[in-house]
Amino acid sequence: MIIETSRLNKSYGKVDVVRDVSLQVPEGAAFALVGTNGAGKTSVMRLLLNIIRPDSGTATVLGRDSRLLQSHDFQQIGYVSESQVLPERLTIAQYFDYLRALYPRWDKGLEKTLRREMDLPPDRALNKLSHGMRMKTVLVAGLAFRPKLLILDEPLSGMDTLTRDEVVEGLLEQADETTILISSHELAEIEFFTSHIAFMDKGHLHFQESIDSLRARFREIHVTLSAQKLLPSVCPDNWLFPETSGHTLRFIDSSFSNEEQLKLQLNAHFGAIQLAATPMSLRDISNVLIRKTRINRKDAA
């Protein structure tokens, strides 16, 4: 694993921002860390980079305890954050001149290609850049030295559609040789290149798995019943948000295996049925998970 944490915890006063998080990111993955606002995603990334220290637990990055990362380790780690601070008085060209001297593995050809593709004007001062242009600039800076690991904290936030597409294209060019850990609310944009996903809420890591596994087990279920019937008094745990209306039953199946098996289960409850099971997008799955965790919190309160 290129990243591995074990029972990682971080608190600020009485607020627990990371709670017992054990995360594994395989080398070569494009790993999405998703969840609600305030879920703890940014804090996990800062713990990995030794920007903040854990209260307990461990984090290993590139085979080294994150608290012991040295300058030569950061030669292999790129970091892009929407809140990243830049030397505002420099132009884009001056900024890249400065960075090249810091990274022995800096690829001037890749830098030139990415700057051209992202339309970064060399004479523009950093303090004159729009948010989207700033993010494209720091992304090129994070890619041009060909890091082994690239950590991206909301890199697409606040961008227009064209700028997001340009940034994603830049990421795709490096996806084969760089492990990517990305947090983003723009799930539709990252879905098609993501290989793994983890879901966080209120500091807890609820699950982590391959994106193919996640897509395979979630289905939107629409059932036509032969007659009006009530829901069972206790529905299976994997039937999320079941509801009936007339001759129709709808729910989300979070452990879908195949239609025949589900049909047998439904027949036992409702008799003759017609069944439609529809695959779900990453955005829709995420919305279901967020809704479910909010309901669980209310029930526990």
C-alpha atoms as a PDB file:
ATOM      1  CA  MET A   1       0.000   0.000   0.000  1.00  0.00           C
ATOM      2  CA  ILE A   2       1.282   3.454  -0.867  1.00  0.00           C
ATOM      3  CA  ILE A   3      -0.841   4.926   1.965  1.00  0.00           C
ATOM      4  CA  GLU A   4      -1.926   3.049   5.070  1.00  0.00           C
ATOM      5  CA  THR A   5      -3.397   4.393   8.292  1.00  0.00           C
ATOM      6  CA  SER A   6      -4.288   2.521  11.452  1.00  0.00           C
ATOM      7  CA  ARG A   7      -6.833   3.856  13.965  1.00  0.00           C
ATOM      8  CA  LEU A   8      -5.937   7.459  13.175  1.00  0.00           C
ATOM      9  CA  ASN A   9      -7.450  10.111  15.477  1.00  0.00           C
ATOM     10  CA  LYS A  10      -7.332  13.900  15.597  1.00  0.00           C
ATOM     11  CA  SER A  11      -9.299  16.308  17.787  1.00  0.00           C
ATOM     12  CA  TYR A  12      -9.451  20.060  18.282  1.00  0.00           C
ATOM     13  CA  GLY A  13     -10.635  20.617  21.816  1.00  0.00           C
ATOM     14  CA  LYS A  14     -13.862  18.624  22.162  1.00  0.00           C
ATOM     15  CA  VAL A  15     -14.350  18.273  18.406  1.00  0.00           C
ATOM     16  CA  ASP A  16     -13.207  14.944  16.940  1.00  0.00           C
ATOM     17  CA  VAL A  17     -12.365  15.588  13.281  1.00  0.00           C
ATOM     18  CA  VAL A  18     -10.824  12.166  12.543  1.00  0.00           C
ATOM     19  CA  ARG A  19     -12.064   9.115  14.428  1.00  0.00           C
ATOM     20  CA  ASP A  20     -10.330   5.754  14.334  1.00  0.00           C
ATOM     21  CA  VAL A  21      -9.655   5.912  10.575  1.00  0.00           C
ATOM     22  CA  SER A  22      -7.926   2.912   8.999  1.00  0.00           C
ATOM     23  CA  LEU A  23      -7.384   3.578   5.299  1.00  0.00           C
ATOM     24  CA  GLN A  24      -5.505   1.611   2.620  1.00  0.00           C
ATOM     25  CA  VAL A  25      -4.639   3.146  -0.754  1.00  0.00           C
ATOM     26  CA  PRO A  26      -3.094   0.677  -3.246  1.00  0.00           C
ATOM     27  CA  GLU A  27      -0.189   1.806  -5.403  1.00  0.00           C
ATOM     28  CA  GLY A  28      -1.408   2.918  -8.830  1.00  0.00           C
ATOM     29  CA  ALA A  29      -4.953   3.652  -7.634  1.00  0.00           C
ATOM     30  CA  ALA A  30      -7.048   6.717  -8.384  1.00  0.00           C
ATOM     31  CA  PHE A  31      -8.642   6.804  -4.948  1.00  0.00           C
ATOM     32  CA  ALA A  32     -11.588   9.113  -4.174  1.00  0.00           C
ATOM     33  CA  LEU A  33     -12.255  10.190  -0.598  1.00  0.00           C
ATOM     34  CA  VAL A  34     -15.860  11.399  -0.499  1.00  0.00           C
ATOM     35  CA  GLY A  35     -18.388  12.440   2.103  1.00  0.00           C
ATOM     36  CA  THR A  36     -20.234  15.324   3.687  1.00  0.00           C
ATOM     37  CA  ASN A  37     -18.816  18.770   4.430  1.00  0.00           C
ATOM     38  CA  GLY A  38     -16.859  18.496   7.658  1.00  0.00           C
ATOM     39  CA  ALA A  39     -16.443  14.747   7.207  1.00  0.00           C
ATOM     40  CA  GLY A  40     -12.708  14.906   7.992  1.00  0.00           C
ATOM     41  CA  LYS A  41     -11.335  14.409   4.470  1.00  0.00           C
ATOM     42  CA  THR A  42      -9.039  17.455   4.537  1.00  0.00           C
ATOM     43  CA  SER A  43      -7.806  16.575   8.026  1.00  0.00           C
ATOM     44  CA  VAL A  44      -6.893  13.040   6.888  1.00  0.00           C
ATOM     45  CA  MET A  45      -4.897  14.480   3.978  1.00  0.00           C
ATOM     46  CA  ARG A  46      -3.080  16.932   6.256  1.00  0.00           C
ATOM     47  CA  LEU A  47      -2.253  14.113   8.654  1.00  0.00           C
ATOM     48  CA  LEU A  48      -0.796  12.112   5.779  1.00  0.00           C
ATOM     49  CA  LEU A  49       1.444  15.039   4.825  1.00  0.00           C
ATOM     50  CA  ASN A  50       2.513  15.805   8.411  1.00  0.00           C
ATOM     51  CA  ILE A  51       0.931  19.258   8.193  1.00  0.00           C
ATOM     52  CA  ILE A  52      -0.860  18.324  11.409  1.00  0.00           C
ATOM     53  CA  ARG A  53      -0.001  15.559  13.883  1.00  0.00           C
ATOM     54  CA  PRO A  54      -2.339  12.753  14.969  1.00  0.00           C
ATOM     55  CA  ASP A  55      -3.421  12.470  18.573  1.00  0.00           C
ATOM     56  CA  SER A  56      -3.178   8.696  18.247  1.00  0.00           C
ATOM     57  CA  GLY A  57      -2.837   6.024  15.590  1.00  0.00           C
ATOM     58  CA  THR A  58      -0.381   5.863  12.710  1.00  0.00           C
ATOM     59  CA  ALA A  59      -0.148   6.867   9.071  1.00  0.00           C
ATOM     60  CA  THR A  60       2.354   5.416   6.621  1.00  0.00           C
ATOM     61  CA  VAL A  61       3.077   7.164   3.310  1.00  0.00           C
ATOM     62  CA  LEU A  62       5.507   5.697   0.753  1.00  0.00           C
ATOM     63  CA  GLY A  63       6.481   3.163   3.399  1.00  0.00           C
ATOM     64  CA  ARG A  64       7.441   5.822   5.978  1.00  0.00           C
ATOM     65  CA  ASP A  65       5.695   7.051   9.127  1.00  0.00           C
ATOM     66  CA  SER A  66       4.093  10.339   8.056  1.00  0.00           C
ATOM     67  CA  ARG A  67       5.573  12.078  11.112  1.00  0.00           C
ATOM     68  CA  LEU A  68       9.055  11.236   9.825  1.00  0.00           C
ATOM     69  CA  LEU A  69       8.684  12.379   6.230  1.00  0.00           C
ATOM     70  CA  GLN A  70      11.815  14.147   4.986  1.00  0.00           C
ATOM     71  CA  SER A  71      12.497  16.553   2.126  1.00  0.00           C
ATOM     72  CA  HIS A  72      13.510  13.700  -0.197  1.00  0.00           C
ATOM     73  CA  ASP A  73      10.138  12.033   0.487  1.00  0.00           C
ATOM     74  CA  PHE A  74       8.315  15.187  -0.591  1.00  0.00           C
ATOM     75  CA  GLN A  75      10.238  15.011  -3.865  1.00  0.00           C
ATOM     76  CA  GLN A  76       7.849  12.130  -4.615  1.00  0.00           C
ATOM     77  CA  ILE A  77       4.632  13.666  -3.248  1.00  0.00           C
ATOM     78  CA  GLY A  78       2.524  16.294  -4.989  1.00  0.00           C
ATOM     79  CA  TYR A  79      -0.104  18.240  -3.051  1.00  0.00           C
ATOM     80  CA  VAL A  80      -2.850  20.437  -4.487  1.00  0.00           C
ATOM     81  CA  SER A  81      -5.390  22.200  -2.262  1.00  0.00           C
ATOM     82  CA  GLU A  82      -8.076  24.775  -2.997  1.00  0.00           C
ATOM     83  CA  SER A  83      -6.670  26.820  -0.081  1.00  0.00           C
ATOM     84  CA  GLN A  84      -3.059  26.614  -1.262  1.00  0.00           C
ATOM     85  CA  VAL A  85      -0.950  29.728  -0.655  1.00  0.00           C
ATOM     86  CA  LEU A  86       1.047  31.073  -3.621  1.00  0.00           C
ATOM     87  CA  PRO A  87       3.810  33.700  -3.852  1.00  0.00           C
ATOM     88  CA  GLU A  88       1.424  36.350  -5.150  1.00  0.00           C
ATOM     89  CA  ARG A  89       4.008  38.794  -6.549  1.00  0.00           C
ATOM     90  CA  LEU A  90       5.466  36.272  -8.974  1.00  0.00           C
ATOM     91  CA  THR A  91       4.244  35.701 -12.501  1.00  0.00           C
ATOM     92  CA  ILE A  92       3.352  32.209 -13.663  1.00  0.00           C
ATOM     93  CA  ALA A  93       6.694  31.959 -15.515  1.00  0.00           C
ATOM     94  CA  GLN A  94       8.642  33.112 -12.430  1.00  0.00           C
ATOM     95  CA  TYR A  95       6.765  30.649 -10.245  1.00  0.00           C
ATOM     96  CA  PHE A  96       7.734  27.707 -12.427  1.00  0.00           C
ATOM     97  CA  ASP A  97      11.346  28.982 -12.698  1.00  0.00           C
ATOM     98  CA  TYR A  98      11.442  28.910  -8.897  1.00  0.00           C
ATOM     99  CA  LEU A  99       9.933  25.436  -8.626  1.00  0.00           C
ATOM    100  CA  ARG A 100      12.200  23.775 -11.204  1.00  0.00           C
ATOM    101  CA  ALA A 101      15.248  24.302  -9.008  1.00  0.00           C
ATOM    102  CA  LEU A 102      13.579  22.481  -6.103  1.00  0.00           C
ATOM    103  CA  TYR A 103      12.825  19.196  -7.872  1.00  0.00           C
ATOM    104  CA  PRO A 104      15.610  17.131  -9.486  1.00  0.00           C
ATOM    105  CA  ARG A 105      12.973  15.019 -11.303  1.00  0.00           C
ATOM    106  CA  TRP A 106      11.219  18.054 -12.794  1.00  0.00           C
ATOM    107  CA  ASP A 107      10.134  17.332 -16.375  1.00  0.00           C
ATOM    108  CA  LYS A 108      10.349  20.579 -18.373  1.00  0.00           C
ATOM    109  CA  GLY A 109       8.719  18.918 -21.374  1.00  0.00           C
ATOM    110  CA  LEU A 110       5.719  17.822 -19.311  1.00  0.00           C
ATOM    111  CA  GLU A 111       5.510  21.259 -17.697  1.00  0.00           C
ATOM    112  CA  LYS A 112       5.489  22.922 -21.120  1.00  0.00           C
ATOM    113  CA  THR A 113       2.815  20.560 -22.424  1.00  0.00           C
ATOM    114  CA  LEU A 114       0.545  21.007 -19.406  1.00  0.00           C
ATOM    115  CA  ARG A 115       0.947  24.793 -19.353  1.00  0.00           C
ATOM    116  CA  ARG A 116       0.006  24.940 -23.023  1.00  0.00           C
ATOM    117  CA  GLU A 117      -2.978  22.593 -22.629  1.00  0.00           C
ATOM    118  CA  MET A 118      -4.266  24.530 -19.621  1.00  0.00           C
ATOM    119  CA  ASP A 119      -3.688  27.885 -21.319  1.00  0.00           C
ATOM    120  CA  LEU A 120      -1.571  29.442 -18.552  1.00  0.00           C
ATOM    121  CA  PRO A 121      -0.234  32.871 -19.665  1.00  0.00           C
ATOM    122  CA  PRO A 122       3.416  33.132 -18.517  1.00  0.00           C
ATOM    123  CA  ASP A 123       3.387  36.879 -17.804  1.00  0.00           C
ATOM    124  CA  ARG A 124       0.219  36.854 -15.685  1.00  0.00           C
ATOM    125  CA  ALA A 125       0.860  37.625 -11.999  1.00  0.00           C
ATOM    126  CA  LEU A 126      -0.361  34.982  -9.582  1.00  0.00           C
ATOM    127  CA  ASN A 127      -2.375  37.575  -7.654  1.00  0.00           C
ATOM    128  CA  LYS A 128      -4.289  38.368 -10.851  1.00  0.00           C
ATOM    129  CA  LEU A 129      -5.443  34.799 -11.499  1.00  0.00           C
ATOM    130  CA  SER A 130      -9.024  33.611 -11.193  1.00  0.00           C
ATOM    131  CA  HIS A 131      -9.711  30.702  -8.860  1.00  0.00           C
ATOM    132  CA  GLY A 132      -9.797  28.277 -11.777  1.00  0.00           C
ATOM    133  CA  MET A 133      -6.497  29.572 -13.177  1.00  0.00           C
ATOM    134  CA  ARG A 134      -4.855  29.320  -9.746  1.00  0.00           C
ATOM    135  CA  MET A 135      -5.960  25.708  -9.420  1.00  0.00           C
ATOM    136  CA  LYS A 136      -4.674  24.859 -12.900  1.00  0.00           C
ATOM    137  CA  THR A 137      -1.337  26.471 -12.005  1.00  0.00           C
ATOM    138  CA  VAL A 138      -0.876  24.496  -8.787  1.00  0.00           C
ATOM    139  CA  LEU A 139      -1.998  21.308 -10.523  1.00  0.00           C
ATOM    140  CA  VAL A 140       0.685  21.702 -13.201  1.00  0.00           C
ATOM    141  CA  ALA A 141       3.180  22.384 -10.401  1.00  0.00           C
ATOM    142  CA  GLY A 142       2.029  19.196  -8.672  1.00  0.00           C
ATOM    143  CA  LEU A 143       2.365  17.063 -11.815  1.00  0.00           C
ATOM    144  CA  ALA A 144       5.474  18.401 -13.548  1.00  0.00           C
ATOM    145  CA  PHE A 145       7.975  16.592 -11.292  1.00  0.00           C
ATOM    146  CA  ARG A 146       6.150  13.302 -11.899  1.00  0.00           C
ATOM    147  CA  PRO A 147       5.357  12.477  -8.264  1.00  0.00           C
ATOM    148  CA  LYS A 148       4.813   8.931  -7.160  1.00  0.00           C
ATOM    149  CA  LEU A 149       1.829  10.128  -5.091  1.00  0.00           C
ATOM    150  CA  LEU A 150      -0.491  13.071  -5.820  1.00  0.00           C
ATOM    151  CA  ILE A 151      -2.851  14.266  -3.071  1.00  0.00           C
ATOM    152  CA  LEU A 152      -5.659  16.530  -4.280  1.00  0.00           C
ATOM    153  CA  ASP A 153      -7.953  18.324  -1.838  1.00  0.00           C
ATOM    154  CA  GLU A 154     -11.035  19.656  -3.681  1.00  0.00           C
ATOM    155  CA  PRO A 155      -9.064  20.600  -6.820  1.00  0.00           C
ATOM    156  CA  LEU A 156     -12.233  21.143  -8.889  1.00  0.00           C
ATOM    157  CA  SER A 157     -14.121  23.321  -6.413  1.00  0.00           C
ATOM    158  CA  GLY A 158     -15.565  26.526  -7.850  1.00  0.00           C
ATOM    159  CA  MET A 159     -14.442  25.868 -11.430  1.00  0.00           C
ATOM    160  CA  ASP A 160     -16.487  26.321 -14.564  1.00  0.00           C
ATOM    161  CA  THR A 161     -17.200  23.246 -16.686  1.00  0.00           C
ATOM    162  CA  LEU A 162     -14.435  23.889 -19.239  1.00  0.00           C
ATOM    163  CA  THR A 163     -11.787  24.448 -16.566  1.00  0.00           C
ATOM    164  CA  ARG A 164     -12.832  21.261 -14.741  1.00  0.00           C
ATOM    165  CA  ASP A 165     -12.524  19.323 -17.994  1.00  0.00           C
ATOM    166  CA  GLU A 166      -9.015  20.729 -18.567  1.00  0.00           C
ATOM    167  CA  VAL A 167      -7.930  19.778 -15.046  1.00  0.00           C
ATOM    168  CA  VAL A 168      -9.352  16.261 -15.336  1.00  0.00           C
ATOM    169  CA  GLU A 169      -7.588  15.813 -18.688  1.00  0.00           C
ATOM    170  CA  GLY A 170      -4.318  16.787 -17.003  1.00  0.00           C
ATOM    171  CA  LEU A 171      -4.930  14.212 -14.280  1.00  0.00           C
ATOM    172  CA  LEU A 172      -5.759  11.505 -16.798  1.00  0.00           C
ATOM    173  CA  GLU A 173      -2.431  12.026 -18.546  1.00  0.00           C
ATOM    174  CA  GLN A 174      -0.634  11.060 -15.333  1.00  0.00           C
ATOM    175  CA  ALA A 175      -3.051   8.470 -13.958  1.00  0.00           C
ATOM    176  CA  ASP A 176      -1.029   5.515 -15.240  1.00  0.00           C
ATOM    177  CA  GLU A 177       2.183   6.442 -13.428  1.00  0.00           C
ATOM    178  CA  THR A 178       0.983   8.345 -10.344  1.00  0.00           C
ATOM    179  CA  THR A 179      -1.152   7.169  -7.427  1.00  0.00           C
ATOM    180  CA  ILE A 180      -3.886   9.759  -6.870  1.00  0.00           C
ATOM    181  CA  LEU A 181      -5.797  10.435  -3.647  1.00  0.00           C
ATOM    182  CA  ILE A 182      -8.549  12.971  -4.373  1.00  0.00           C
ATOM    183  CA  SER A 183     -11.365  14.516  -2.366  1.00  0.00           C
ATOM    184  CA  SER A 184     -14.005  16.242  -4.454  1.00  0.00           C
ATOM    185  CA  HIS A 185     -17.659  17.214  -4.463  1.00  0.00           C
ATOM    186  CA  GLU A 186     -17.613  17.137  -8.280  1.00  0.00           C
ATOM    187  CA  LEU A 187     -18.297  13.403  -8.402  1.00  0.00           C
ATOM    188  CA  ALA A 188     -19.565  13.316 -11.974  1.00  0.00           C
ATOM    189  CA  GLU A 189     -16.210  14.650 -13.203  1.00  0.00           C
ATOM    190  CA  ILE A 190     -14.003  12.191 -11.305  1.00  0.00           C
ATOM    191  CA  GLU A 191     -16.200   9.084 -11.575  1.00  0.00           C
ATOM    192  CA  PHE A 192     -14.868   7.808 -14.882  1.00  0.00           C
ATOM    193  CA  PHE A 193     -11.198   7.711 -13.826  1.00  0.00           C
ATOM    194  CA  THR A 194     -11.629   6.679 -10.176  1.00  0.00           C
ATOM    195  CA  SER A 195     -10.588   3.112  -9.327  1.00  0.00           C
ATOM    196  CA  HIS A 196     -11.306   3.086  -5.564  1.00  0.00           C
ATOM    197  CA  ILE A 197     -13.516   5.001  -3.166  1.00  0.00           C
ATOM    198  CA  ALA A 198     -13.870   5.594   0.568  1.00  0.00           C
ATOM    199  CA  PHE A 199     -16.804   7.313   2.278  1.00  0.00           C
ATOM    200  CA  MET A 200     -16.390   9.489   5.391  1.00  0.00           C
ATOM    201  CA  ASP A 201     -18.853  11.233   7.679  1.00  0.00           C
ATOM    202  CA  LYS A 202     -18.199  13.146  10.909  1.00  0.00           C
ATOM    203  CA  GLY A 203     -14.643  11.828  11.093  1.00  0.00           C
ATOM    204  CA  HIS A 204     -15.600   8.172  10.609  1.00  0.00           C
ATOM    205  CA  LEU A 205     -14.562   6.053   7.634  1.00  0.00           C
ATOM    206  CA  HIS A 206     -17.663   4.022   6.802  1.00  0.00           C
ATOM    207  CA  PHE A 207     -16.265   1.864   3.993  1.00  0.00           C
ATOM    208  CA  GLN A 208     -13.592   1.629   1.308  1.00  0.00           C
ATOM    209  CA  GLU A 209     -13.694  -0.532  -1.806  1.00  0.00           C
ATOM    210  CA  SER A 210     -13.105  -0.574  -5.531  1.00  0.00           C
ATOM    211  CA  ILE A 211     -15.419   1.597  -7.597  1.00  0.00           C
ATOM    212  CA  ASP A 212     -16.454  -1.452  -9.635  1.00  0.00           C
ATOM    213  CA  SER A 213     -17.535  -3.246  -6.452  1.00  0.00           C
ATOM    214  CA  LEU A 214     -19.493  -0.207  -5.271  1.00  0.00           C
ATOM    215  CA  ARG A 215     -21.284   0.206  -8.583  1.00  0.00           C
ATOM    216  CA  ALA A 216     -22.082  -3.508  -8.705  1.00  0.00           C
ATOM    217  CA  ARG A 217     -23.770  -3.623  -5.309  1.00  0.00           C
ATOM    218  CA  PHE A 218     -25.961  -0.497  -5.585  1.00  0.00           C
ATOM    219  CA  ARG A 219     -29.158  -0.541  -7.638  1.00  0.00           C
ATOM    220  CA  GLU A 220     -32.252   1.620  -7.778  1.00  0.00           C
ATOM    221  CA  ILE A 221     -35.124  -0.861  -7.552  1.00  0.00           C
ATOM    222  CA  HIS A 222     -38.580  -0.275  -9.044  1.00  0.00           C
ATOM    223  CA  VAL A 223     -41.139  -3.029  -8.435  1.00  0.00           C
ATOM    224  CA  THR A 224     -44.630  -3.301  -9.887  1.00  0.00           C
ATOM    225  CA  LEU A 225     -46.852  -5.294  -7.523  1.00  0.00           C
ATOM    226  CA  SER A 226     -49.831  -7.407  -8.576  1.00  0.00           C
ATOM    227  CA  ALA A 227     -51.920  -5.747  -5.853  1.00  0.00           C
ATOM    228  CA  GLN A 228     -51.604  -2.983  -3.302  1.00  0.00           C
ATOM    229  CA  LYS A 229     -49.566  -4.264  -0.370  1.00  0.00           C
ATOM    230  CA  LEU A 230     -47.849  -2.865   2.689  1.00  0.00           C
ATOM    231  CA  LEU A 231     -44.141  -3.070   3.386  1.00  0.00           C
ATOM    232  CA  PRO A 232     -43.001  -5.915   5.649  1.00  0.00           C
ATOM    233  CA  SER A 233     -42.829  -4.919   9.320  1.00  0.00           C
ATOM    234  CA  VAL A 234     -39.050  -5.371   9.115  1.00  0.00           C
ATOM    235  CA  CYS A 235     -37.334  -4.828   5.779  1.00  0.00           C
ATOM    236  CA  PRO A 236     -33.875  -6.225   4.972  1.00  0.00           C
ATOM    237  CA  ASP A 237     -31.072  -3.861   6.049  1.00  0.00           C
ATOM    238  CA  ASN A 238     -29.884  -3.484   2.456  1.00  0.00           C
ATOM    239  CA  TRP A 239     -33.262  -2.060   1.343  1.00  0.00           C
ATOM    240  CA  LEU A 240     -32.612   1.655   1.773  1.00  0.00           C
ATOM    241  CA  PHE A 241     -35.561   4.079   1.900  1.00  0.00           C
ATOM    242  CA  PRO A 242     -38.279   1.586   0.877  1.00  0.00           C
ATOM    243  CA  GLU A 243     -41.675   3.062   0.079  1.00  0.00           C
ATOM    244  CA  THR A 244     -44.880   1.847  -1.527  1.00  0.00           C
ATOM    245  CA  SER A 245     -47.417   3.816  -3.496  1.00  0.00           C
ATOM    246  CA  GLY A 246     -50.383   1.954  -4.932  1.00  0.00           C
ATOM    247  CA  HIS A 247     -48.988  -0.946  -6.949  1.00  0.00           C
ATOM    248  CA  THR A 248     -45.408   0.385  -6.854  1.00  0.00           C
ATOM    249  CA  LEU A 249     -42.505  -0.370  -4.516  1.00  0.00           C
ATOM    250  CA  ARG A 250     -39.258   1.603  -4.678  1.00  0.00           C
ATOM    251  CA  PHE A 251     -35.997   1.303  -2.727  1.00  0.00           C
ATOM    252  CA  ILE A 252     -32.227   1.341  -3.074  1.00  0.00           C
ATOM    253  CA  ASP A 253     -30.550  -2.058  -2.803  1.00  0.00           C
ATOM    254  CA  SER A 254     -27.075  -1.629  -1.271  1.00  0.00           C
ATOM    255  CA  SER A 255     -26.160  -5.324  -1.570  1.00  0.00           C
ATOM    256  CA  PHE A 256     -27.445  -6.174  -5.037  1.00  0.00           C
ATOM    257  CA  SER A 257     -26.245  -9.507  -6.395  1.00  0.00           C
ATOM    258  CA  ASN A 258     -28.497 -10.354  -9.335  1.00  0.00           C
ATOM    259  CA  GLU A 259     -32.086  -9.819 -10.391  1.00  0.00           C
ATOM    260  CA  GLU A 260     -33.144 -13.447  -9.988  1.00  0.00           C
ATOM    261  CA  GLN A 261     -32.049 -13.599  -6.368  1.00  0.00           C
ATOM    262  CA  LEU A 262     -33.743 -10.289  -5.586  1.00  0.00           C
ATOM    263  CA  LYS A 263     -36.900 -11.395  -7.390  1.00  0.00           C
ATOM    264  CA  LEU A 264     -37.118 -14.529  -5.239  1.00  0.00           C
ATOM    265  CA  GLN A 265     -36.751 -12.393  -2.118  1.00  0.00           C
ATOM    266  CA  LEU A 266     -39.473 -10.014  -3.289  1.00  0.00           C
ATOM    267  CA  ASN A 267     -41.796 -12.863  -4.322  1.00  0.00           C
ATOM    268  CA  ALA A 268     -41.646 -14.186  -0.768  1.00  0.00           C
ATOM    269  CA  HIS A 269     -42.955 -10.854   0.533  1.00  0.00           C
ATOM    270  CA  PHE A 270     -45.265  -9.668  -2.240  1.00  0.00           C
ATOM    271  CA  GLY A 271     -46.159 -12.578  -4.529  1.00  0.00           C
ATOM    272  CA  ALA A 272     -46.092 -11.909  -8.268  1.00  0.00           C
ATOM    273  CA  ILE A 273     -44.073  -8.841  -9.286  1.00  0.00           C
ATOM    274  CA  GLN A 274     -42.339  -7.110 -12.173  1.00  0.00           C
ATOM    275  CA  LEU A 275     -38.841  -5.892 -11.362  1.00  0.00           C
ATOM    276  CA  ALA A 276     -36.493  -3.233 -12.789  1.00  0.00           C
ATOM    277  CA  ALA A 277     -33.001  -2.776 -11.294  1.00  0.00           C
ATOM    278  CA  THR A 278     -31.169   0.335 -12.524  1.00  0.00           C
ATOM    279  CA  PRO A 279     -27.428   1.017 -12.013  1.00  0.00           C
ATOM    280  CA  MET A 280     -26.581   4.236 -10.169  1.00  0.00           C
ATOM    281  CA  SER A 281     -23.992   6.970 -10.705  1.00  0.00           C
ATOM    282  CA  LEU A 282     -21.330   7.706  -8.104  1.00  0.00           C
ATOM    283  CA  ARG A 283     -23.075  11.008  -7.347  1.00  0.00           C
ATOM    284  CA  ASP A 284     -26.413   9.259  -6.708  1.00  0.00           C
ATOM    285  CA  ILE A 285     -24.775   6.596  -4.544  1.00  0.00           C
ATOM    286  CA  SER A 286     -22.989   9.286  -2.537  1.00  0.00           C
ATOM    287  CA  ASN A 287     -26.237  11.192  -2.009  1.00  0.00           C
ATOM    288  CA  VAL A 288     -27.910   8.012  -0.742  1.00  0.00           C
ATOM    289  CA  LEU A 289     -25.050   7.369   1.687  1.00  0.00           C
ATOM    290  CA  ILE A 290     -25.085  10.946   2.981  1.00  0.00           C
ATOM    291  CA  ARG A 291     -28.848  10.787   3.490  1.00  0.00           C
ATOM    292  CA  LYS A 292     -28.537   7.442   5.288  1.00  0.00           C
ATOM    293  CA  THR A 293     -25.795   8.652   7.661  1.00  0.00           C
ATOM    294  CA  ARG A 294     -27.816  11.764   8.542  1.00  0.00           C
ATOM    295  CA  ILE A 295     -30.855   9.628   9.404  1.00  0.00           C
ATOM    296  CA  ASN A 296     -28.684   7.290  11.485  1.00  0.00           C
ATOM    297  CA  ARG A 297     -27.285  10.270  13.437  1.00  0.00           C
ATOM    298  CA  LYS A 298     -30.787  11.571  14.149  1.00  0.00           C
ATOM    299  CA  ASP A 299     -31.913   8.127  15.294  1.00  0.00           C
ATOM    300  CA  ALA A 300     -28.894   7.837  17.605  1.00  0.00           C
ATOM    301  CA  ALA A 301     -29.412  11.284  19.134  1.00  0.00           C
END
